[in-house]
């Protein structure tokens, strides 16, 4: 299953997730559903501007994380 969502999180706003003091990032997919993603899955996308863009989250048939990529 693939889920598409957009995120616009500044560098400063993402720091608690990067440091592990907050675990889950709340986003809404393109159908308006609320999704919680572990901040560790988004770390590789962090730039000095933050995490900004459209992403594709892939889940297996049991709803478990497989991958996340820029869309």
PDB file of N, CA and C in Angstrom:
ATOM      1  N   UNK A   1       0.847  -1.169   0.000  1.00  0.00           N
ATOM      2  CA  UNK A   1       0.000   0.000   0.000  1.00  0.00           C
ATOM      3  C   UNK A   1       0.897   1.237   0.000  1.00  0.00           C
ATOM      4  N   UNK A   2       0.547   2.199  -0.828  1.00  0.00           N
ATOM      5  CA  UNK A   2       1.296   3.448  -0.871  1.00  0.00           C
ATOM      6  C   UNK A   2       0.397   4.587  -0.414  1.00  0.00           C
ATOM      7  N   UNK A   3       0.959   5.434   0.432  1.00  0.00           N
ATOM      8  CA  UNK A   3       0.249   6.575   0.989  1.00  0.00           C
ATOM      9  C   UNK A   3       1.062   7.827   0.685  1.00  0.00           C
ATOM     10  N   UNK A   4       0.427   8.799   0.059  1.00  0.00           N
ATOM     11  CA  UNK A   4       1.098  10.046  -0.302  1.00  0.00           C
ATOM     12  C   UNK A   4       0.695  11.151   0.663  1.00  0.00           C
ATOM     13  N   UNK A   5       1.684  11.944   1.063  1.00  0.00           N
ATOM     14  CA  UNK A   5       1.422  13.070   1.958  1.00  0.00           C
ATOM     15  C   UNK A   5       2.465  14.151   1.716  1.00  0.00           C
ATOM     16  N   UNK A   6       2.134  15.359   2.124  1.00  0.00           N
ATOM     17  CA  UNK A   6       3.063  16.485   2.066  1.00  0.00           C
ATOM     18  C   UNK A   6       3.376  16.932   3.476  1.00  0.00           C
ATOM     19  N   UNK A   7       4.582  17.451   3.642  1.00  0.00           N
ATOM     20  CA  UNK A   7       4.996  17.916   4.969  1.00  0.00           C
ATOM     21  C   UNK A   7       5.823  19.188   4.797  1.00  0.00           C
ATOM     22  N   UNK A   8       5.675  20.083   5.727  1.00  0.00           N
ATOM     23  CA  UNK A   8       6.458  21.313   5.768  1.00  0.00           C
ATOM     24  C   UNK A   8       6.851  21.580   7.208  1.00  0.00           C
ATOM     25  N   UNK A   9       7.971  21.041   7.620  1.00  0.00           N
ATOM     26  CA  UNK A   9       8.416  21.116   9.005  1.00  0.00           C
ATOM     27  C   UNK A   9       9.786  21.789   9.031  1.00  0.00           C
ATOM     28  N   UNK A  10       9.904  22.887   9.745  1.00  0.00           N
ATOM     29  CA  UNK A  10      11.180  23.607   9.807  1.00  0.00           C
ATOM     30  C   UNK A  10      12.242  22.778  10.531  1.00  0.00           C
ATOM     31  N   UNK A  11      13.487  23.158  10.336  1.00  0.00           N
ATOM     32  CA  UNK A  11      14.602  22.480  10.988  1.00  0.00           C
ATOM     33  C   UNK A  11      14.418  22.493  12.505  1.00  0.00           C
ATOM     34  N   UNK A  12      14.088  23.671  13.048  1.00  0.00           N
ATOM     35  CA  UNK A  12      13.911  23.809  14.494  1.00  0.00           C
ATOM     36  C   UNK A  12      12.742  22.970  15.002  1.00  0.00           C
ATOM     37  N   UNK A  13      11.654  22.928  14.239  1.00  0.00           N
ATOM     38  CA  UNK A  13      10.483  22.157  14.654  1.00  0.00           C
ATOM     39  C   UNK A  13      10.762  20.657  14.633  1.00  0.00           C
ATOM     40  N   UNK A  14      11.683  20.211  13.751  1.00  0.00           N
ATOM     41  CA  UNK A  14      11.980  18.782  13.656  1.00  0.00           C
ATOM     42  C   UNK A  14      13.014  18.314  14.675  1.00  0.00           C
ATOM     43  N   UNK A  15      13.776  19.231  15.265  1.00  0.00           N
ATOM     44  CA  UNK A  15      14.835  18.830  16.200  1.00  0.00           C
ATOM     45  C   UNK A  15      14.378  17.876  17.310  1.00  0.00           C
ATOM     46  N   UNK A  16      13.251  18.096  17.968  1.00  0.00           N
ATOM     47  CA  UNK A  16      12.838  17.141  19.011  1.00  0.00           C
ATOM     48  C   UNK A  16      12.637  15.718  18.471  1.00  0.00           C
ATOM     49  N   UNK A  17      12.185  15.608  17.223  1.00  0.00           N
ATOM     50  CA  UNK A  17      12.019  14.284  16.606  1.00  0.00           C
ATOM     51  C   UNK A  17      13.386  13.685  16.291  1.00  0.00           C
ATOM     52  N   UNK A  18      14.275  14.516  15.768  1.00  0.00           N
ATOM     53  CA  UNK A  18      15.625  14.063  15.414  1.00  0.00           C
ATOM     54  C   UNK A  18      16.385  13.589  16.657  1.00  0.00           C
ATOM     55  N   UNK A  19      16.212  14.320  17.754  1.00  0.00           N
ATOM     56  CA  UNK A  19      16.909  13.991  18.992  1.00  0.00           C
ATOM     57  C   UNK A  19      16.240  12.852  19.762  1.00  0.00           C
ATOM     58  N   UNK A  20      15.049  12.472  19.357  1.00  0.00           N
ATOM     59  CA  UNK A  20      14.358  11.348  19.984  1.00  0.00           C
ATOM     60  C   UNK A  20      13.483  11.698  21.167  1.00  0.00           C
ATOM     61  N   UNK A  21      13.368  12.989  21.501  1.00  0.00           N
ATOM     62  CA  UNK A  21      12.518  13.347  22.635  1.00  0.00           C
ATOM     63  C   UNK A  21      11.029  13.270  22.275  1.00  0.00           C
ATOM     64  N   UNK A  22      10.710  13.354  20.989  1.00  0.00           N
ATOM     65  CA  UNK A  22       9.358  13.114  20.490  1.00  0.00           C
ATOM     66  C   UNK A  22       9.494  12.043  19.410  1.00  0.00           C
ATOM     67  N   UNK A  23       8.627  11.037  19.463  1.00  0.00           N
ATOM     68  CA  UNK A  23       8.795   9.891  18.568  1.00  0.00           C
ATOM     69  C   UNK A  23       8.032  10.002  17.257  1.00  0.00           C
ATOM     70  N   UNK A  24       6.772  10.370  17.285  1.00  0.00           N
ATOM     71  CA  UNK A  24       5.914  10.299  16.099  1.00  0.00           C
ATOM     72  C   UNK A  24       5.579  11.679  15.536  1.00  0.00           C
ATOM     73  N   UNK A  25       5.592  11.746  14.201  1.00  0.00           N
ATOM     74  CA  UNK A  25       5.203  12.943  13.466  1.00  0.00           C
ATOM     75  C   UNK A  25       3.798  12.698  12.917  1.00  0.00           C
ATOM     76  N   UNK A  26       2.897  13.633  13.146  1.00  0.00           N
ATOM     77  CA  UNK A  26       1.543  13.518  12.633  1.00  0.00           C
ATOM     78  C   UNK A  26       1.454  14.217  11.286  1.00  0.00           C
ATOM     79  N   UNK A  27       0.972  13.508  10.280  1.00  0.00           N
ATOM     80  CA  UNK A  27       0.739  14.086   8.958  1.00  0.00           C
ATOM     81  C   UNK A  27      -0.644  13.642   8.484  1.00  0.00           C
ATOM     82  N   UNK A  28      -1.133  14.300   7.450  1.00  0.00           N
ATOM     83  CA  UNK A  28      -2.395  13.920   6.835  1.00  0.00           C
ATOM     84  C   UNK A  28      -2.126  13.533   5.397  1.00  0.00           C
ATOM     85  N   UNK A  29      -2.631  12.370   4.993  1.00  0.00           N
ATOM     86  CA  UNK A  29      -2.409  11.928   3.618  1.00  0.00           C
ATOM     87  C   UNK A  29      -3.295  12.732   2.676  1.00  0.00           C
ATOM     88  N   UNK A  30      -3.163  12.467   1.386  1.00  0.00           N
ATOM     89  CA  UNK A  30      -3.893  13.244   0.386  1.00  0.00           C
ATOM     90  C   UNK A  30      -5.399  12.993   0.414  1.00  0.00           C
ATOM     91  N   UNK A  31      -5.852  11.969   1.145  1.00  0.00           N
ATOM     92  CA  UNK A  31      -7.281  11.712   1.329  1.00  0.00           C
ATOM     93  C   UNK A  31      -7.790  12.294   2.649  1.00  0.00           C
ATOM     94  N   UNK A  32      -6.899  12.941   3.402  1.00  0.00           N
ATOM     95  CA  UNK A  32      -7.288  13.574   4.654  1.00  0.00           C
ATOM     96  C   UNK A  32      -7.174  12.685   5.879  1.00  0.00           C
ATOM     97  N   UNK A  33      -6.647  11.469   5.709  1.00  0.00           N
ATOM     98  CA  UNK A  33      -6.495  10.562   6.850  1.00  0.00           C
ATOM     99  C   UNK A  33      -5.275  10.953   7.673  1.00  0.00           C
ATOM    100  N   UNK A  34      -5.411  10.855   8.989  1.00  0.00           N
ATOM    101  CA  UNK A  34      -4.319  11.152   9.909  1.00  0.00           C
ATOM    102  C   UNK A  34      -3.376   9.952   9.973  1.00  0.00           C
ATOM    103  N   UNK A  35      -2.079  10.214   9.800  1.00  0.00           N
ATOM    104  CA  UNK A  35      -1.064   9.163   9.828  1.00  0.00           C
ATOM    105  C   UNK A  35       0.016   9.586  10.822  1.00  0.00           C
ATOM    106  N   UNK A  36       0.499   8.645  11.608  1.00  0.00           N
ATOM    107  CA  UNK A  36       1.599   8.890  12.535  1.00  0.00           C
ATOM    108  C   UNK A  36       2.823   8.135  12.022  1.00  0.00           C
ATOM    109  N   UNK A  37       3.919   8.853  11.817  1.00  0.00           N
ATOM    110  CA  UNK A  37       5.146   8.266  11.283  1.00  0.00           C
ATOM    111  C   UNK A  37       6.269   8.484  12.285  1.00  0.00           C
ATOM    112  N   UNK A  38       7.044   7.455  12.527  1.00  0.00           N
ATOM    113  CA  UNK A  38       8.197   7.589  13.416  1.00  0.00           C
ATOM    114  C   UNK A  38       9.162   8.621  12.837  1.00  0.00           C
ATOM    115  N   UNK A  39       9.599   9.547  13.675  1.00  0.00           N
ATOM    116  CA  UNK A  39      10.531  10.582  13.242  1.00  0.00           C
ATOM    117  C   UNK A  39      11.825  10.020  12.684  1.00  0.00           C
ATOM    118  N   UNK A  40      12.229   8.844  13.130  1.00  0.00           N
ATOM    119  CA  UNK A  40      13.485   8.261  12.637  1.00  0.00           C
ATOM    120  C   UNK A  40      13.414   7.949  11.152  1.00  0.00           C
ATOM    121  N   UNK A  41      12.215   7.699  10.623  1.00  0.00           N
ATOM    122  CA  UNK A  41      12.064   7.418   9.193  1.00  0.00           C
ATOM    123  C   UNK A  41      12.233   8.683   8.345  1.00  0.00           C
ATOM    124  N   UNK A  42      12.091   9.838   8.959  1.00  0.00           N
ATOM    125  CA  UNK A  42      12.190  11.098   8.214  1.00  0.00           C
ATOM    126  C   UNK A  42      13.553  11.767   8.344  1.00  0.00           C
ATOM    127  N   UNK A  43      14.394  11.287   9.220  1.00  0.00           N
ATOM    128  CA  UNK A  43      15.705  11.930   9.468  1.00  0.00           C
ATOM    129  C   UNK A  43      16.526  12.128   8.205  1.00  0.00           C
ATOM    130  N   UNK A  44      16.514  11.163   7.299  1.00  0.00           N
ATOM    131  CA  UNK A  44      17.355  11.246   6.102  1.00  0.00           C
ATOM    132  C   UNK A  44      16.940  12.384   5.168  1.00  0.00           C
ATOM    133  N   UNK A  45      15.754  12.945   5.378  1.00  0.00           N
ATOM    134  CA  UNK A  45      15.268  14.033   4.535  1.00  0.00           C
ATOM    135  C   UNK A  45      15.507  15.415   5.143  1.00  0.00           C
ATOM    136  N   UNK A  46      16.102  15.464   6.326  1.00  0.00           N
ATOM    137  CA  UNK A  46      16.313  16.740   7.010  1.00  0.00           C
ATOM    138  C   UNK A  46      17.410  17.557   6.336  1.00  0.00           C
ATOM    139  N   UNK A  47      17.084  18.802   6.004  1.00  0.00           N
ATOM    140  CA  UNK A  47      18.049  19.761   5.469  1.00  0.00           C
ATOM    141  C   UNK A  47      18.061  20.970   6.398  1.00  0.00           C
ATOM    142  N   UNK A  48      18.873  21.956   6.079  1.00  0.00           N
ATOM    143  CA  UNK A  48      18.913  23.160   6.917  1.00  0.00           C
ATOM    144  C   UNK A  48      17.582  23.913   6.883  1.00  0.00           C
ATOM    145  N   UNK A  49      16.769  23.675   5.851  1.00  0.00           N
ATOM    146  CA  UNK A  49      15.440  24.287   5.776  1.00  0.00           C
ATOM    147  C   UNK A  49      14.403  23.485   6.550  1.00  0.00           C
ATOM    148  N   UNK A  50      14.692  22.229   6.816  1.00  0.00           N
ATOM    149  CA  UNK A  50      13.756  21.349   7.509  1.00  0.00           C
ATOM    150  C   UNK A  50      13.396  20.168   6.631  1.00  0.00           C
ATOM    151  N   UNK A  51      12.184  19.683   6.780  1.00  0.00           N
ATOM    152  CA  UNK A  51      11.669  18.603   5.933  1.00  0.00           C
ATOM    153  C   UNK A  51      10.467  19.165   5.206  1.00  0.00           C
ATOM    154  N   UNK A  52      10.629  19.345   3.911  1.00  0.00           N
ATOM    155  CA  UNK A  52       9.610  19.994   3.104  1.00  0.00           C
ATOM    156  C   UNK A  52       9.431  19.194   1.823  1.00  0.00           C
ATOM    157  N   UNK A  53       8.190  18.884   1.477  1.00  0.00           N
ATOM    158  CA  UNK A  53       7.944  18.209   0.213  1.00  0.00           C
ATOM    159  C   UNK A  53       6.827  17.199   0.282  1.00  0.00           C
ATOM    160  N   UNK A  54       6.700  16.475  -0.811  1.00  0.00           N
ATOM    161  CA  UNK A  54       5.692  15.415  -0.951  1.00  0.00           C
ATOM    162  C   UNK A  54       6.414  14.083  -0.854  1.00  0.00           C
ATOM    163  N   UNK A  55       5.811  13.144  -0.131  1.00  0.00           N
ATOM    164  CA  UNK A  55       6.446  11.861   0.126  1.00  0.00           C
ATOM    165  C   UNK A  55       5.482  10.715  -0.140  1.00  0.00           C
ATOM    166  N   UNK A  56       6.064   9.538  -0.363  1.00  0.00           N
ATOM    167  CA  UNK A  56       5.291   8.310  -0.533  1.00  0.00           C
ATOM    168  C   UNK A  56       5.729   7.335   0.548  1.00  0.00           C
ATOM    169  N   UNK A  57       4.797   6.956   1.393  1.00  0.00           N
ATOM    170  CA  UNK A  57       5.018   5.974   2.445  1.00  0.00           C
ATOM    171  C   UNK A  57       4.497   4.638   1.940  1.00  0.00           C
ATOM    172  N   UNK A  58       5.334   3.601   1.974  1.00  0.00           N
ATOM    173  CA  UNK A  58       4.927   2.274   1.550  1.00  0.00           C
ATOM    174  C   UNK A  58       4.797   1.374   2.769  1.00  0.00           C
ATOM    175  N   UNK A  59       3.654   0.694   2.864  1.00  0.00           N
ATOM    176  CA  UNK A  59       3.376  -0.241   3.951  1.00  0.00           C
ATOM    177  C   UNK A  59       3.156  -1.627   3.363  1.00  0.00           C
ATOM    178  N   UNK A  60       3.461  -2.657   4.149  1.00  0.00           N
ATOM    179  CA  UNK A  60       3.202  -4.022   3.687  1.00  0.00           C
ATOM    180  C   UNK A  60       1.727  -4.361   3.888  1.00  0.00           C
ATOM    181  N   UNK A  61       1.343  -5.586   3.568  1.00  0.00           N
ATOM    182  CA  UNK A  61      -0.059  -5.991   3.655  1.00  0.00           C
ATOM    183  C   UNK A  61      -0.597  -6.018   5.081  1.00  0.00           C
ATOM    184  N   UNK A  62       0.303  -5.933   6.072  1.00  0.00           N
ATOM    185  CA  UNK A  62      -0.101  -5.904   7.481  1.00  0.00           C
ATOM    186  C   UNK A  62      -0.064  -4.493   8.061  1.00  0.00           C
ATOM    187  N   UNK A  63       0.210  -3.501   7.213  1.00  0.00           N
ATOM    188  CA  UNK A  63       0.264  -2.114   7.660  1.00  0.00           C
ATOM    189  C   UNK A  63       1.580  -1.719   8.298  1.00  0.00           C
ATOM    190  N   UNK A  64       2.599  -2.524   8.123  1.00  0.00           N
ATOM    191  CA  UNK A  64       3.922  -2.239   8.694  1.00  0.00           C
ATOM    192  C   UNK A  64       4.764  -1.434   7.707  1.00  0.00           C
ATOM    193  N   UNK A  65       5.618  -0.591   8.247  1.00  0.00           N
ATOM    194  CA  UNK A  65       6.504   0.264   7.457  1.00  0.00           C
ATOM    195  C   UNK A  65       7.414  -0.563   6.544  1.00  0.00           C
ATOM    196  N   UNK A  66       7.512  -0.150   5.275  1.00  0.00           N
ATOM    197  CA  UNK A  66       8.447  -0.728   4.323  1.00  0.00           C
ATOM    198  C   UNK A  66       9.472   0.320   3.923  1.00  0.00           C
ATOM    199  N   UNK A  67       8.981   1.490   3.459  1.00  0.00           N
ATOM    200  CA  UNK A  67       9.896   2.547   3.029  1.00  0.00           C
ATOM    201  C   UNK A  67       9.178   3.875   2.947  1.00  0.00           C
ATOM    202  N   UNK A  68       9.988   4.915   2.828  1.00  0.00           N
ATOM    203  CA  UNK A  68       9.462   6.258   2.573  1.00  0.00           C
ATOM    204  C   UNK A  68      10.441   6.928   1.628  1.00  0.00           C
ATOM    205  N   UNK A  69       9.880   7.540   0.597  1.00  0.00           N
ATOM    206  CA  UNK A  69      10.687   8.201  -0.439  1.00  0.00           C
ATOM    207  C   UNK A  69      10.020   9.517  -0.820  1.00  0.00           C
ATOM    208  N   UNK A  70      10.845  10.415  -1.344  1.00  0.00           N
ATOM    209  CA  UNK A  70      10.293  11.642  -1.921  1.00  0.00           C
ATOM    210  C   UNK A  70       9.478  11.269  -3.141  1.00  0.00           C
ATOM    211  N   UNK A  71       8.332  11.926  -3.281  1.00  0.00           N
ATOM    212  CA  UNK A  71       7.463  11.634  -4.435  1.00  0.00           C
ATOM    213  C   UNK A  71       7.565  12.729  -5.465  1.00  0.00           C
TER     214      UNK A  71
END
